[in-house]
C-alpha atoms as a PDB file:
ATOM      1  CA  MET A   1       0.000   0.000   0.000  1.00  0.00           C
ATOM      2  CA  LEU A   2       1.078   3.645  -0.446  1.00  0.00           C
ATOM      3  CA  GLN A   3       0.676   6.416   2.147  1.00  0.00           C
ATOM      4  CA  ASP A   4      -0.407   9.934   1.187  1.00  0.00           C
ATOM      5  CA  ASP A   5       3.279  10.915   1.061  1.00  0.00           C
ATOM      6  CA  MET A   6       3.714   8.152  -1.549  1.00  0.00           C
ATOM      7  CA  SER A   7       6.444   6.412   0.523  1.00  0.00           C
ATOM      8  CA  PRO A   8       6.268   2.604   0.036  1.00  0.00           C
ATOM      9  CA  GLN A   9       5.113   0.524   3.000  1.00  0.00           C
ATOM     10  CA  ILE A  10       4.889  -3.299   3.222  1.00  0.00           C
ATOM     11  CA  ALA A  11       1.948  -4.446   5.316  1.00  0.00           C
ATOM     12  CA  THR A  12       2.037  -7.676   7.315  1.00  0.00           C
ATOM     13  CA  PRO A  13       1.202 -10.299   4.696  1.00  0.00           C
ATOM     14  CA  ALA A  14      -1.674 -12.698   5.049  1.00  0.00           C
ATOM     15  CA  ALA A  15      -1.051 -16.437   4.768  1.00  0.00           C
ATOM     16  CA  PRO A  16      -0.580 -17.305   1.105  1.00  0.00           C
ATOM     17  CA  LEU A  17      -2.861 -19.641  -0.790  1.00  0.00           C
ATOM     18  CA  VAL A  18      -1.723 -23.207  -1.320  1.00  0.00           C
ATOM     19  CA  GLY A  19       0.866 -23.244  -4.081  1.00  0.00           C
ATOM     20  CA  TYR A  20       1.897 -19.622  -3.449  1.00  0.00           C
ATOM     21  CA  ASN A  21       4.542 -17.964  -1.272  1.00  0.00           C
ATOM     22  CA  LYS A  22       4.602 -14.699   0.607  1.00  0.00           C
ATOM     23  CA  VAL A  23       7.599 -12.378   0.638  1.00  0.00           C
ATOM     24  CA  TYR A  24       8.262  -9.916   3.420  1.00  0.00           C
ATOM     25  CA  CYS A  25      11.009  -7.808   4.976  1.00  0.00           C
ATOM     26  CA  LYS A  26      11.962  -8.250   8.635  1.00  0.00           C
ATOM     27  CA  SER A  27      13.108  -5.458  10.944  1.00  0.00           C
ATOM     28  CA  THR A  28      16.696  -6.576  10.281  1.00  0.00           C
ATOM     29  CA  GLY A  29      16.251  -5.545   6.675  1.00  0.00           C
ATOM     30  CA  ASP A  30      16.444  -9.142   5.456  1.00  0.00           C
ATOM     31  CA  ILE A  31      13.927 -10.470   2.955  1.00  0.00           C
ATOM     32  CA  TYR A  32      12.226 -13.784   3.730  1.00  0.00           C
ATOM     33  CA  ILE A  33       9.952 -16.174   1.894  1.00  0.00           C
ATOM     34  CA  GLN A  34       7.262 -18.249   3.585  1.00  0.00           C
ATOM     35  CA  ASN A  35       5.244 -21.021   1.965  1.00  0.00           C
ATOM     36  CA  SER A  36       1.702 -22.141   2.750  1.00  0.00           C
ATOM     37  CA  SER A  37       3.053 -24.707   5.235  1.00  0.00           C
ATOM     38  CA  GLY A  38       4.588 -21.934   7.309  1.00  0.00           C
ATOM     39  CA  LEU A  39       8.215 -22.718   6.398  1.00  0.00           C
ATOM     40  CA  GLU A  40      10.233 -19.515   6.537  1.00  0.00           C
ATOM     41  CA  GLN A  41      13.565 -19.210   4.762  1.00  0.00           C
ATOM     42  CA  PRO A  42      15.731 -16.292   3.703  1.00  0.00           C
ATOM     43  CA  ALA A  43      15.755 -15.179   0.114  1.00  0.00           C
ATOM     44  CA  SER A  44      18.829 -16.429  -1.715  1.00  0.00           C
ATOM     45  CA  SER A  45      20.412 -12.988  -1.578  1.00  0.00           C
ATOM     46  CA  ASN A  46      20.705 -13.022   2.225  1.00  0.00           C
ATOM     47  CA  TRP A  47      21.996 -16.300   3.631  1.00  0.00           C
ATOM     48  CA  THR A  48      21.805 -16.477   7.402  1.00  0.00           C
ATOM     49  CA  LEU A  49      25.085 -17.551   9.015  1.00  0.00           C
ATOM     50  CA  VAL A  50      25.423 -18.808  12.573  1.00  0.00           C
ATOM     51  CA  SER A  51      28.477 -20.096  14.451  1.00  0.00           C
ATOM     52  CA  LYS A  52      28.125 -22.940  16.959  1.00  0.00           C
ATOM     53  CA  SER A  53      30.525 -24.774  19.278  1.00  0.00           C
ATOM     54  CA  GLY A  54      28.152 -27.230  20.916  1.00  0.00           C
ATOM     55  CA  THR A  55      25.054 -29.322  20.332  1.00  0.00           C
ATOM     56  CA  TYR A  56      22.664 -27.382  18.126  1.00  0.00           C
ATOM     57  CA  ALA A  57      19.254 -27.886  16.521  1.00  0.00           C
ATOM     58  CA  ALA A  58      19.112 -26.017  13.225  1.00  0.00           C
ATOM     59  CA  THR A  59      16.171 -23.648  12.764  1.00  0.00           C
ATOM     60  CA  SER A  60      14.205 -22.796   9.645  1.00  0.00           C
ATOM     61  CA  SER A  61      15.899 -19.387   9.435  1.00  0.00           C
ATOM     62  CA  ASP A  62      19.441 -20.838   9.390  1.00  0.00           C
ATOM     63  CA  SER A  63      21.316 -21.209   6.125  1.00  0.00           C
ATOM     64  CA  ILE A  64      25.003 -21.726   6.940  1.00  0.00           C
ATOM     65  CA  ILE A  65      26.214 -23.232  10.219  1.00  0.00           C
ATOM     66  CA  LEU A  66      29.901 -22.900  11.084  1.00  0.00           C
ATOM     67  CA  ALA A  67      30.856 -25.526  13.644  1.00  0.00           C
ATOM     68  CA  SER A  68      33.925 -25.199  15.866  1.00  0.00           C
ATOM     69  CA  ALA A  69      34.379 -28.423  17.797  1.00  0.00           C
ATOM     70  CA  GLY A  70      36.303 -28.005  21.049  1.00  0.00           C
ATOM     71  CA  SER A  71      34.776 -31.429  21.651  1.00  0.00           C
ATOM     72  CA  ALA A  72      32.655 -33.629  19.431  1.00  0.00           C
ATOM     73  CA  PHE A  73      29.055 -32.474  19.047  1.00  0.00           C
ATOM     74  CA  THR A  74      25.967 -32.855  16.875  1.00  0.00           C
ATOM     75  CA  VAL A  75      24.091 -30.457  14.611  1.00  0.00           C
ATOM     76  CA  THR A  76      20.546 -31.779  14.130  1.00  0.00           C
ATOM     77  CA  LEU A  77      18.562 -30.884  11.041  1.00  0.00           C
ATOM     78  CA  PRO A  78      14.849 -30.102  11.457  1.00  0.00           C
ATOM     79  CA  THR A  79      12.249 -32.316   9.861  1.00  0.00           C
ATOM     80  CA  ALA A  80      12.415 -32.486   6.090  1.00  0.00           C
ATOM     81  CA  VAL A  81       8.638 -32.914   5.921  1.00  0.00           C
ATOM     82  CA  GLY A  82       6.957 -29.711   4.754  1.00  0.00           C
ATOM     83  CA  ALA A  83      10.358 -28.135   4.106  1.00  0.00           C
ATOM     84  CA  MET A  84      10.902 -29.001   0.450  1.00  0.00           C
ATOM     85  CA  GLY A  85      13.662 -26.829  -0.992  1.00  0.00           C
ATOM     86  CA  GLN A  86      15.128 -25.832   2.386  1.00  0.00           C
ATOM     87  CA  ILE A  87      18.940 -25.834   2.143  1.00  0.00           C
ATOM     88  CA  TYR A  88      21.534 -26.042   4.906  1.00  0.00           C
ATOM     89  CA  THR A  89      25.318 -25.939   4.740  1.00  0.00           C
ATOM     90  CA  ILE A  90      27.260 -27.149   7.775  1.00  0.00           C
ATOM     91  CA  LYS A  91      31.040 -26.613   7.859  1.00  0.00           C
ATOM     92  CA  LYS A  92      33.649 -27.638  10.438  1.00  0.00           C
ATOM     93  CA  THR A  93      36.101 -24.774  10.976  1.00  0.00           C
ATOM     94  CA  ASP A  94      38.504 -25.867  13.734  1.00  0.00           C
ATOM     95  CA  VAL A  95      41.759 -27.815  13.344  1.00  0.00           C
ATOM     96  CA  SER A  96      40.924 -30.645  15.769  1.00  0.00           C
ATOM     97  CA  THR A  97      39.744 -34.120  14.789  1.00  0.00           C
ATOM     98  CA  ASN A  98      36.710 -33.772  17.076  1.00  0.00           C
ATOM     99  CA  VAL A  99      33.860 -34.973  14.889  1.00  0.00           C
ATOM    100  CA  VAL A 100      30.884 -32.777  14.036  1.00  0.00           C
ATOM    101  CA  THR A 101      27.934 -35.093  13.378  1.00  0.00           C
ATOM    102  CA  VAL A 102      25.122 -33.832  11.150  1.00  0.00           C
ATOM    103  CA  ALA A 103      22.050 -35.775  12.274  1.00  0.00           C
ATOM    104  CA  THR A 104      18.358 -35.973  11.386  1.00  0.00           C
ATOM    105  CA  THR A 105      15.071 -36.193  13.238  1.00  0.00           C
ATOM    106  CA  SER A 106      12.390 -38.892  13.111  1.00  0.00           C
ATOM    107  CA  SER A 107      14.754 -41.430  11.482  1.00  0.00           C
ATOM    108  CA  GLN A 108      14.912 -39.338   8.323  1.00  0.00           C
ATOM    109  CA  THR A 109      17.991 -39.835   6.173  1.00  0.00           C
ATOM    110  CA  ILE A 110      20.806 -37.925   4.500  1.00  0.00           C
ATOM    111  CA  ASP A 111      21.450 -39.682   1.198  1.00  0.00           C
ATOM    112  CA  GLY A 112      20.122 -42.856   2.795  1.00  0.00           C
ATOM    113  CA  ASN A 113      22.112 -42.517   6.053  1.00  0.00           C
ATOM    114  CA  LEU A 114      20.927 -41.383   9.476  1.00  0.00           C
ATOM    115  CA  ASN A 115      23.851 -38.950   9.742  1.00  0.00           C
ATOM    116  CA  THR A 116      26.995 -37.711   8.085  1.00  0.00           C
ATOM    117  CA  LEU A 117      30.303 -36.845   9.756  1.00  0.00           C
ATOM    118  CA  LEU A 118      32.656 -33.874   9.483  1.00  0.00           C
ATOM    119  CA  PRO A 119      35.851 -34.913  11.294  1.00  0.00           C
ATOM    120  CA  PHE A 120      38.455 -32.572   9.784  1.00  0.00           C
ATOM    121  CA  GLN A 121      38.935 -28.844   9.331  1.00  0.00           C
ATOM    122  CA  TYR A 122      37.045 -27.333   6.364  1.00  0.00           C
ATOM    123  CA  ASP A 123      34.910 -30.429   5.789  1.00  0.00           C
ATOM    124  CA  PHE A 124      31.388 -29.340   4.839  1.00  0.00           C
ATOM    125  CA  VAL A 125      28.104 -30.716   3.573  1.00  0.00           C
ATOM    126  CA  SER A 126      25.160 -28.976   1.891  1.00  0.00           C
ATOM    127  CA  VAL A 127      21.765 -30.681   2.014  1.00  0.00           C
ATOM    128  CA  VAL A 128      18.313 -29.928   0.618  1.00  0.00           C
ATOM    129  CA  SER A 129      14.942 -31.252   1.739  1.00  0.00           C
ATOM    130  CA  ASP A 130      12.968 -33.290  -0.798  1.00  0.00           C
ATOM    131  CA  GLY A 131       9.913 -33.086   1.454  1.00  0.00           C
ATOM    132  CA  THR A 132      10.630 -36.444   3.101  1.00  0.00           C
ATOM    133  CA  ASN A 133      14.391 -36.757   3.628  1.00  0.00           C
ATOM    134  CA  TRP A 134      17.595 -34.783   3.069  1.00  0.00           C
ATOM    135  CA  GLN A 135      19.655 -34.993  -0.114  1.00  0.00           C
ATOM    136  CA  ILE A 136      23.325 -34.014  -0.323  1.00  0.00           C
ATOM    137  CA  ILE A 137      23.830 -31.485  -3.114  1.00  0.00           C
ATOM    138  CA  ASN A 138      27.437 -30.530  -2.361  1.00  0.00           C
ATOM    139  CA  ASN A 139      30.142 -31.638   0.017  1.00  0.00           C
ATOM    140  CA  ALA A 140      33.874 -31.694   0.661  1.00  0.00           C
ATOM    141  CA  VAL A 141      34.690 -34.322   3.256  1.00  0.00           C
ATOM    142  CA  THR A 142      38.429 -34.895   3.527  1.00  0.00           C
ATOM    143  CA  GLN A 143      38.101 -38.139   5.437  1.00  0.00           C
ATOM    144  CA  ASP A 144      35.869 -39.828   2.875  1.00  0.00           C
ATOM    145  CA  VAL A 145      38.388 -42.322   1.469  1.00  0.00           C
ATOM    146  CA  ARG A 146      36.183 -43.961  -1.144  1.00  0.00           C
ATOM    147  CA  HIS A 147      36.817 -46.922  -3.386  1.00  0.00           C
ATOM    148  CA  LEU A 148      38.181 -45.751  -6.751  1.00  0.00           C
ATOM    149  CA  ASP A 149      36.556 -48.169  -9.179  1.00  0.00           C
ATOM    150  CA  SER A 150      35.157 -51.662  -9.499  1.00  0.00           C
ATOM    151  CA  LEU A 151      38.662 -53.151  -9.637  1.00  0.00           C
ATOM    152  CA  ASN A 152      39.420 -51.978  -6.119  1.00  0.00           C
ATOM    153  CA  MET A 153      37.280 -54.578  -4.406  1.00  0.00           C
ATOM    154  CA  ALA A 154      35.553 -57.851  -4.823  1.00  0.00           C
ATOM    155  CA  SER A 155      31.956 -58.177  -3.682  1.00  0.00           C
ATOM    156  CA  GLY A 156      31.741 -57.516   0.043  1.00  0.00           C
ATOM    157  CA  ILE A 157      35.381 -56.417   0.400  1.00  0.00           C
ATOM    158  CA  TYR A 158      36.372 -52.858   1.292  1.00  0.00           C
ATOM    159  CA  ALA A 159      40.100 -52.170   1.158  1.00  0.00           C
ATOM    160  CA  SER A 160      42.451 -49.329   2.089  1.00  0.00           C
ATOM    161  CA  ILE A 161      44.049 -49.455  -1.371  1.00  0.00           C
ATOM    162  CA  PRO A 162      43.252 -51.316  -4.602  1.00  0.00           C
ATOM    163  CA  ARG A 163      44.650 -54.828  -4.696  1.00  0.00           C
ATOM    164  CA  TRP A 164      46.505 -54.012  -7.895  1.00  0.00           C
ATOM    165  CA  ALA A 165      48.253 -51.092  -6.145  1.00  0.00           C
ATOM    166  CA  ALA A 166      49.749 -53.269  -3.388  1.00  0.00           C
ATOM    167  CA  GLY A 167      53.031 -53.683  -5.216  1.00  0.00           C
ATOM    168  CA  ALA A 168      55.466 -52.675  -2.507  1.00  0.00           C
ATOM    169  CA  SER A 169      56.079 -53.335   1.181  1.00  0.00           C
ATOM    170  CA  ILE A 170      56.484 -51.548   4.488  1.00  0.00           C
ATOM    171  CA  ASN A 171      58.320 -52.449   7.669  1.00  0.00           C
ATOM    172  CA  LEU A 172      56.232 -52.470  10.826  1.00  0.00           C
ATOM    173  CA  VAL A 173      57.631 -51.570  14.240  1.00  0.00           C
ATOM    174  CA  SER A 174      57.395 -54.247  16.920  1.00  0.00           C
ATOM    175  CA  GLY A 175      54.812 -53.362  19.581  1.00  0.00           C
ATOM    176  CA  THR A 176      53.457 -50.375  17.623  1.00  0.00           C
ATOM    177  CA  LEU A 177      49.966 -50.076  16.162  1.00  0.00           C
ATOM    178  CA  ALA A 178      49.975 -49.082  12.462  1.00  0.00           C
ATOM    179  CA  ILE A 179      46.801 -47.429  11.129  1.00  0.00           C
ATOM    180  CA  VAL A 180      45.354 -46.702   7.659  1.00  0.00           C
ATOM    181  CA  PRO A 181      41.985 -45.177   6.667  1.00  0.00           C
ATOM    182  CA  ILE A 182      39.298 -47.229   4.936  1.00  0.00           C
ATOM    183  CA  TRP A 183      35.871 -46.303   3.554  1.00  0.00           C
ATOM    184  CA  LEU A 184      32.873 -48.355   4.744  1.00  0.00           C
ATOM    185  CA  PRO A 185      29.126 -47.944   4.132  1.00  0.00           C
ATOM    186  CA  GLN A 186      26.584 -47.710   6.937  1.00  0.00           C
ATOM    187  CA  GLY A 187      25.114 -51.055   7.958  1.00  0.00           C
ATOM    188  CA  PHE A 188      28.029 -53.136   6.662  1.00  0.00           C
ATOM    189  CA  VAL A 189      28.555 -56.220   8.836  1.00  0.00           C
ATOM    190  CA  VAL A 190      32.301 -56.642   9.359  1.00  0.00           C
ATOM    191  CA  GLY A 191      33.262 -60.213  10.148  1.00  0.00           C
ATOM    192  CA  ASN A 192      36.952 -60.297   9.217  1.00  0.00           C
ATOM    193  CA  LEU A 193      39.970 -58.024   8.875  1.00  0.00           C
ATOM    194  CA  VAL A 194      42.513 -58.826   6.171  1.00  0.00           C
ATOM    195  CA  TRP A 195      46.193 -58.106   5.550  1.00  0.00           C
ATOM    196  CA  GLY A 196      49.104 -59.725   3.738  1.00  0.00           C
ATOM    197  CA  THR A 197      52.870 -60.152   3.806  1.00  0.00           C
ATOM    198  CA  ASP A 198      55.423 -59.302   1.164  1.00  0.00           C
ATOM    199  CA  GLY A 199      58.999 -60.600   1.104  1.00  0.00           C
ATOM    200  CA  THR A 200      59.973 -60.906   4.771  1.00  0.00           C
ATOM    201  CA  ALA A 201      58.491 -63.466   7.176  1.00  0.00           C
ATOM    202  CA  GLY A 202      58.013 -62.851  10.890  1.00  0.00           C
ATOM    203  CA  ALA A 203      60.197 -64.609  13.444  1.00  0.00           C
ATOM    204  CA  THR A 204      59.823 -65.196  17.190  1.00  0.00           C
ATOM    205  CA  LEU A 205      56.289 -63.781  17.156  1.00  0.00           C
ATOM    206  CA  THR A 206      54.569 -63.183  20.498  1.00  0.00           C
ATOM    207  CA  HIS A 207      51.503 -61.009  19.751  1.00  0.00           C
ATOM    208  CA  GLN A 208      49.476 -60.320  16.574  1.00  0.00           C
ATOM    209  CA  TRP A 209      46.071 -58.676  16.200  1.00  0.00           C
ATOM    210  CA  MET A 210      44.061 -56.193  14.116  1.00  0.00           C
ATOM    211  CA  GLY A 211      41.507 -53.563  15.074  1.00  0.00           C
ATOM    212  CA  LEU A 212      38.765 -51.425  13.518  1.00  0.00           C
ATOM    213  CA  TYR A 213      38.432 -47.776  14.611  1.00  0.00           C
ATOM    214  CA  ASP A 214      36.021 -44.934  13.882  1.00  0.00           C
ATOM    215  CA  SER A 215      37.002 -41.603  12.352  1.00  0.00           C
ATOM    216  CA  SER A 216      38.079 -40.313  15.795  1.00  0.00           C
ATOM    217  CA  TYR A 217      40.281 -43.425  16.366  1.00  0.00           C
ATOM    218  CA  ASN A 218      37.886 -44.936  18.916  1.00  0.00           C
ATOM    219  CA  GLN A 219      38.308 -48.708  19.024  1.00  0.00           C
ATOM    220  CA  LEU A 220      35.234 -50.484  17.625  1.00  0.00           C
ATOM    221  CA  ALA A 221      36.320 -54.104  17.192  1.00  0.00           C
ATOM    222  CA  VAL A 222      39.419 -56.265  17.558  1.00  0.00           C
ATOM    223  CA  THR A 223      40.488 -59.734  16.535  1.00  0.00           C
ATOM    224  CA  ALA A 224      41.864 -62.325  18.902  1.00  0.00           C
ATOM    225  CA  ASP A 225      45.593 -62.234  19.659  1.00  0.00           C
ATOM    226  CA  LYS A 226      47.223 -64.681  17.237  1.00  0.00           C
ATOM    227  CA  THR A 227      50.311 -64.867  19.538  1.00  0.00           C
ATOM    228  CA  ASN A 228      52.982 -67.013  17.837  1.00  0.00           C
ATOM    229  CA  THR A 229      51.037 -68.090  14.723  1.00  0.00           C
ATOM    230  CA  ALA A 230      53.478 -68.423  11.811  1.00  0.00           C
ATOM    231  CA  VAL A 231      53.676 -65.478   9.393  1.00  0.00           C
ATOM    232  CA  PRO A 232      55.329 -66.654   6.154  1.00  0.00           C
ATOM    233  CA  VAL A 233      56.106 -64.523   3.109  1.00  0.00           C
ATOM    234  CA  ALA A 234      53.579 -63.672   0.359  1.00  0.00           C
ATOM    235  CA  THR A 235      50.606 -64.791   2.411  1.00  0.00           C
ATOM    236  CA  LYS A 236      47.098 -63.390   2.861  1.00  0.00           C
ATOM    237  CA  PHE A 237      45.727 -63.404   6.420  1.00  0.00           C
ATOM    238  CA  THR A 238      42.017 -63.231   7.278  1.00  0.00           C
ATOM    239  CA  TRP A 239      41.418 -62.705  10.985  1.00  0.00           C
ATOM    240  CA  ALA A 240      37.920 -62.904  12.469  1.00  0.00           C
ATOM    241  CA  ILE A 241      36.429 -60.220  14.685  1.00  0.00           C
ATOM    242  CA  ALA A 242      36.437 -61.472  18.297  1.00  0.00           C
ATOM    243  CA  THR A 243      35.450 -58.554  20.550  1.00  0.00           C
ATOM    244  CA  ILE A 244      33.442 -55.336  20.281  1.00  0.00           C
ATOM    245  CA  ALA A 245      32.551 -52.738  22.917  1.00  0.00           C
ATOM    246  CA  SER A 246      29.630 -54.802  24.249  1.00  0.00           C
ATOM    247  CA  GLY A 247      31.738 -57.959  24.635  1.00  0.00           C
ATOM    248  CA  ALA A 248      32.534 -61.090  22.670  1.00  0.00           C
ATOM    249  CA  SER A 249      31.180 -60.936  19.113  1.00  0.00           C
ATOM    250  CA  SER A 250      32.069 -62.329  15.711  1.00  0.00           C
ATOM    251  CA  THR A 251      30.792 -59.241  13.848  1.00  0.00           C
ATOM    252  CA  PHE A 252      30.620 -55.468  14.045  1.00  0.00           C
ATOM    253  CA  THR A 253      27.981 -53.451  12.139  1.00  0.00           C
ATOM    254  CA  THR A 254      29.004 -49.981  10.950  1.00  0.00           C
ATOM    255  CA  THR A 255      26.855 -47.063  12.093  1.00  0.00           C
ATOM    256  CA  TYR A 256      27.691 -44.458   9.448  1.00  0.00           C
ATOM    257  CA  THR A 257      28.987 -44.130   5.912  1.00  0.00           C
ATOM    258  CA  GLY A 258      32.481 -42.704   5.655  1.00  0.00           C
ATOM    259  CA  THR A 259      35.996 -43.239   6.853  1.00  0.00           C
ATOM    260  CA  TYR A 260      37.030 -45.776   9.445  1.00  0.00           C
ATOM    261  CA  PHE A 261      40.572 -46.934  10.288  1.00  0.00           C
ATOM    262  CA  LEU A 262      42.186 -50.362  10.213  1.00  0.00           C
ATOM    263  CA  GLY A 263      45.050 -51.092  12.564  1.00  0.00           C
ATOM    264  CA  ILE A 264      47.534 -53.927  12.904  1.00  0.00           C
ATOM    265  CA  MET A 265      49.923 -54.677  15.783  1.00  0.00           C
ATOM    266  CA  ILE A 266      52.660 -57.328  15.850  1.00  0.00           C
ATOM    267  CA  THR A 267      55.465 -57.995  18.308  1.00  0.00           C
ATOM    268  CA  ALA A 268      58.379 -60.083  17.076  1.00  0.00           C
ATOM    269  CA  THR A 269      62.154 -60.180  16.935  1.00  0.00           C
ATOM    270  CA  THR A 270      61.935 -60.096  13.120  1.00  0.00           C
ATOM    271  CA  MET A 271      58.974 -58.092  11.847  1.00  0.00           C
ATOM    272  CA  PRO A 272      57.176 -59.232   8.686  1.00  0.00           C
ATOM    273  CA  ASN A 273      56.856 -56.886   5.710  1.00  0.00           C
ATOM    274  CA  MET A 274      53.310 -55.851   4.784  1.00  0.00           C
ATOM    275  CA  SER A 275      51.995 -55.445   1.248  1.00  0.00           C
ATOM    276  CA  SER A 276      51.493 -51.741   0.562  1.00  0.00           C
ATOM    277  CA  ALA A 277      51.492 -48.868  -1.858  1.00  0.00           C
ATOM    278  CA  PHE A 278      54.771 -46.992  -1.853  1.00  0.00           C
ATOM    279  CA  GLY A 279      56.096 -43.675  -3.060  1.00  0.00           C
ATOM    280  CA  THR A 280      59.112 -41.531  -2.308  1.00  0.00           C
ATOM    281  CA  VAL A 281      59.087 -37.810  -1.521  1.00  0.00           C
ATOM    282  CA  ASN A 282      55.290 -37.714  -1.545  1.00  0.00           C
ATOM    283  CA  PRO A 283      54.062 -34.095  -1.126  1.00  0.00           C
ATOM    284  CA  PHE A 284      50.629 -35.152   0.110  1.00  0.00           C
ATOM    285  CA  MET A 285      51.620 -36.873   3.333  1.00  0.00           C
ATOM    286  CA  SER A 286      50.621 -33.920   5.540  1.00  0.00           C
ATOM    287  CA  ASP A 287      47.017 -34.140   4.312  1.00  0.00           C
ATOM    288  CA  THR A 288      44.230 -35.625   6.411  1.00  0.00           C
ATOM    289  CA  PRO A 289      43.274 -38.201   7.431  1.00  0.00           C
ATOM    290  CA  ALA A 290      46.492 -39.004   9.214  1.00  0.00           C
ATOM    291  CA  PHE A 291      47.821 -42.534   8.996  1.00  0.00           C
ATOM    292  CA  GLY A 292      50.942 -44.276  10.172  1.00  0.00           C
ATOM    293  CA  PHE A 293      52.173 -45.342  13.602  1.00  0.00           C
ATOM    294  CA  SER A 294      49.881 -44.905  16.597  1.00  0.00           C
ATOM    295  CA  ASP A 295      49.946 -46.613  20.038  1.00  0.00           C
ATOM    296  CA  THR A 296      53.343 -47.894  21.215  1.00  0.00           C
ATOM    297  CA  GLY A 297      54.335 -50.513  23.781  1.00  0.00           C
ATOM    298  CA  GLN A 298      51.456 -52.802  22.783  1.00  0.00           C
ATOM    299  CA  THR A 299      51.032 -56.501  23.508  1.00  0.00           C
ATOM    300  CA  THR A 300      47.465 -57.863  23.741  1.00  0.00           C
ATOM    301  CA  PRO A 301      44.461 -56.010  22.264  1.00  0.00           C
ATOM    302  CA  PRO A 302      43.434 -53.045  24.462  1.00  0.00           C
ATOM    303  CA  THR A 303      40.295 -53.416  26.556  1.00  0.00           C
ATOM    304  CA  PHE A 304      37.239 -51.302  25.719  1.00  0.00           C
ATOM    305  CA  PRO A 305      36.775 -48.383  25.712  1.00  0.00           C
ATOM    306  CA  HIS A 306      39.995 -47.336  24.037  1.00  0.00           C
ATOM    307  CA  THR A 307      40.993 -44.484  21.753  1.00  0.00           C
ATOM    308  CA  ALA A 308      44.115 -44.986  19.683  1.00  0.00           C
ATOM    309  CA  THR A 309      46.675 -42.198  19.539  1.00  0.00           C
ATOM    310  CA  THR A 310      46.223 -39.993  16.485  1.00  0.00           C
ATOM    311  CA  PRO A 311      48.960 -41.250  14.160  1.00  0.00           C
ATOM    312  CA  ALA A 312      51.724 -38.965  12.995  1.00  0.00           C
ATOM    313  CA  ASN A 313      51.581 -38.729   9.213  1.00  0.00           C
ATOM    314  CA  VAL A 314      54.284 -40.772   7.567  1.00  0.00           C
ATOM    315  CA  SER A 315      57.024 -38.498   6.255  1.00  0.00           C
ATOM    316  CA  GLY A 316      59.633 -39.060   3.573  1.00  0.00           C
ATOM    317  CA  ASN A 317      58.364 -42.299   2.061  1.00  0.00           C
ATOM    318  CA  ALA A 318      54.627 -42.782   1.652  1.00  0.00           C
ATOM    319  CA  ARG A 319      53.600 -46.167   2.996  1.00  0.00           C
ATOM    320  CA  PHE A 320      49.952 -47.094   2.801  1.00  0.00           C
ATOM    321  CA  PHE A 321      49.499 -50.750   3.692  1.00  0.00           C
ATOM    322  CA  TYR A 322      46.821 -53.013   2.263  1.00  0.00           C
ATOM    323  CA  GLY A 323      44.129 -53.771   4.785  1.00  0.00           C
ATOM    324  CA  ALA A 324      40.547 -54.843   4.168  1.00  0.00           C
ATOM    325  CA  ALA A 325      37.247 -55.458   5.937  1.00  0.00           C
ATOM    326  CA  THR A 326      35.041 -58.325   4.783  1.00  0.00           C
ATOM    327  CA  ALA A 327      31.765 -59.902   5.822  1.00  0.00           C
END
């Protein structure tokens, strides 16, 4: 409406008809759009940015959420129902490996998963509501070490590197846990952990075991200690899961899609070589996720709960051993 002085005024809008939106300006000067379901969101020209450092439930007026994780916390999306077209971007800004979990309500999903994880600095995910669930439309998740192509795995096998890339070897350190990242889908039932030797056999072995860890290096499952079992050259080893956090178990079921870690620990007077990918003077070794040597002074598998030491990235020569998780 126009006043007598002809200055423009925007009256409080009535609820729009079904299929129509209303547009209005708030006292902040920002323009918002509201649909017939009552969903309010900013016009694309004025994204709303908020910064959070603890558990947070996103609101309909949020657009971008910057998360600084002094400790791990969760950002929960609102219901996707009645919010078709609503977009959120959540970004982790701090340098820690404290995980920011982006979760849903009412068992809704994000690309088929109940949550998605942002464990490293500058990881982000953008999602849009399809009216029922949330769909990822853009992301940059450093820790998401995905399989490269169909040659990288056989059915039901997820490996740290393609089998055809395991053309070199690394030397383990007796009593030290070695860790590599591996991508696993949510709901995958892990029954066995796999590794293999190259050209050097182990001698005078006393302890041998493998473990599965989440993206924050929390221990999820371990095999039994194989103690003095022979470790010959050029041999594949498949070790069954024996224990998870709740006790004895032959399987562990993954709870999210993304990066996990595989670890192996051996004590011996002569350490076996592991099959690996190898490169010299690799400029990418300071990138995340970190892999390499973790806990020291190890013998038997640690009791639960246990968090492995964040490994120092391998420097000089890039050694990325072959490890796999199978059903």
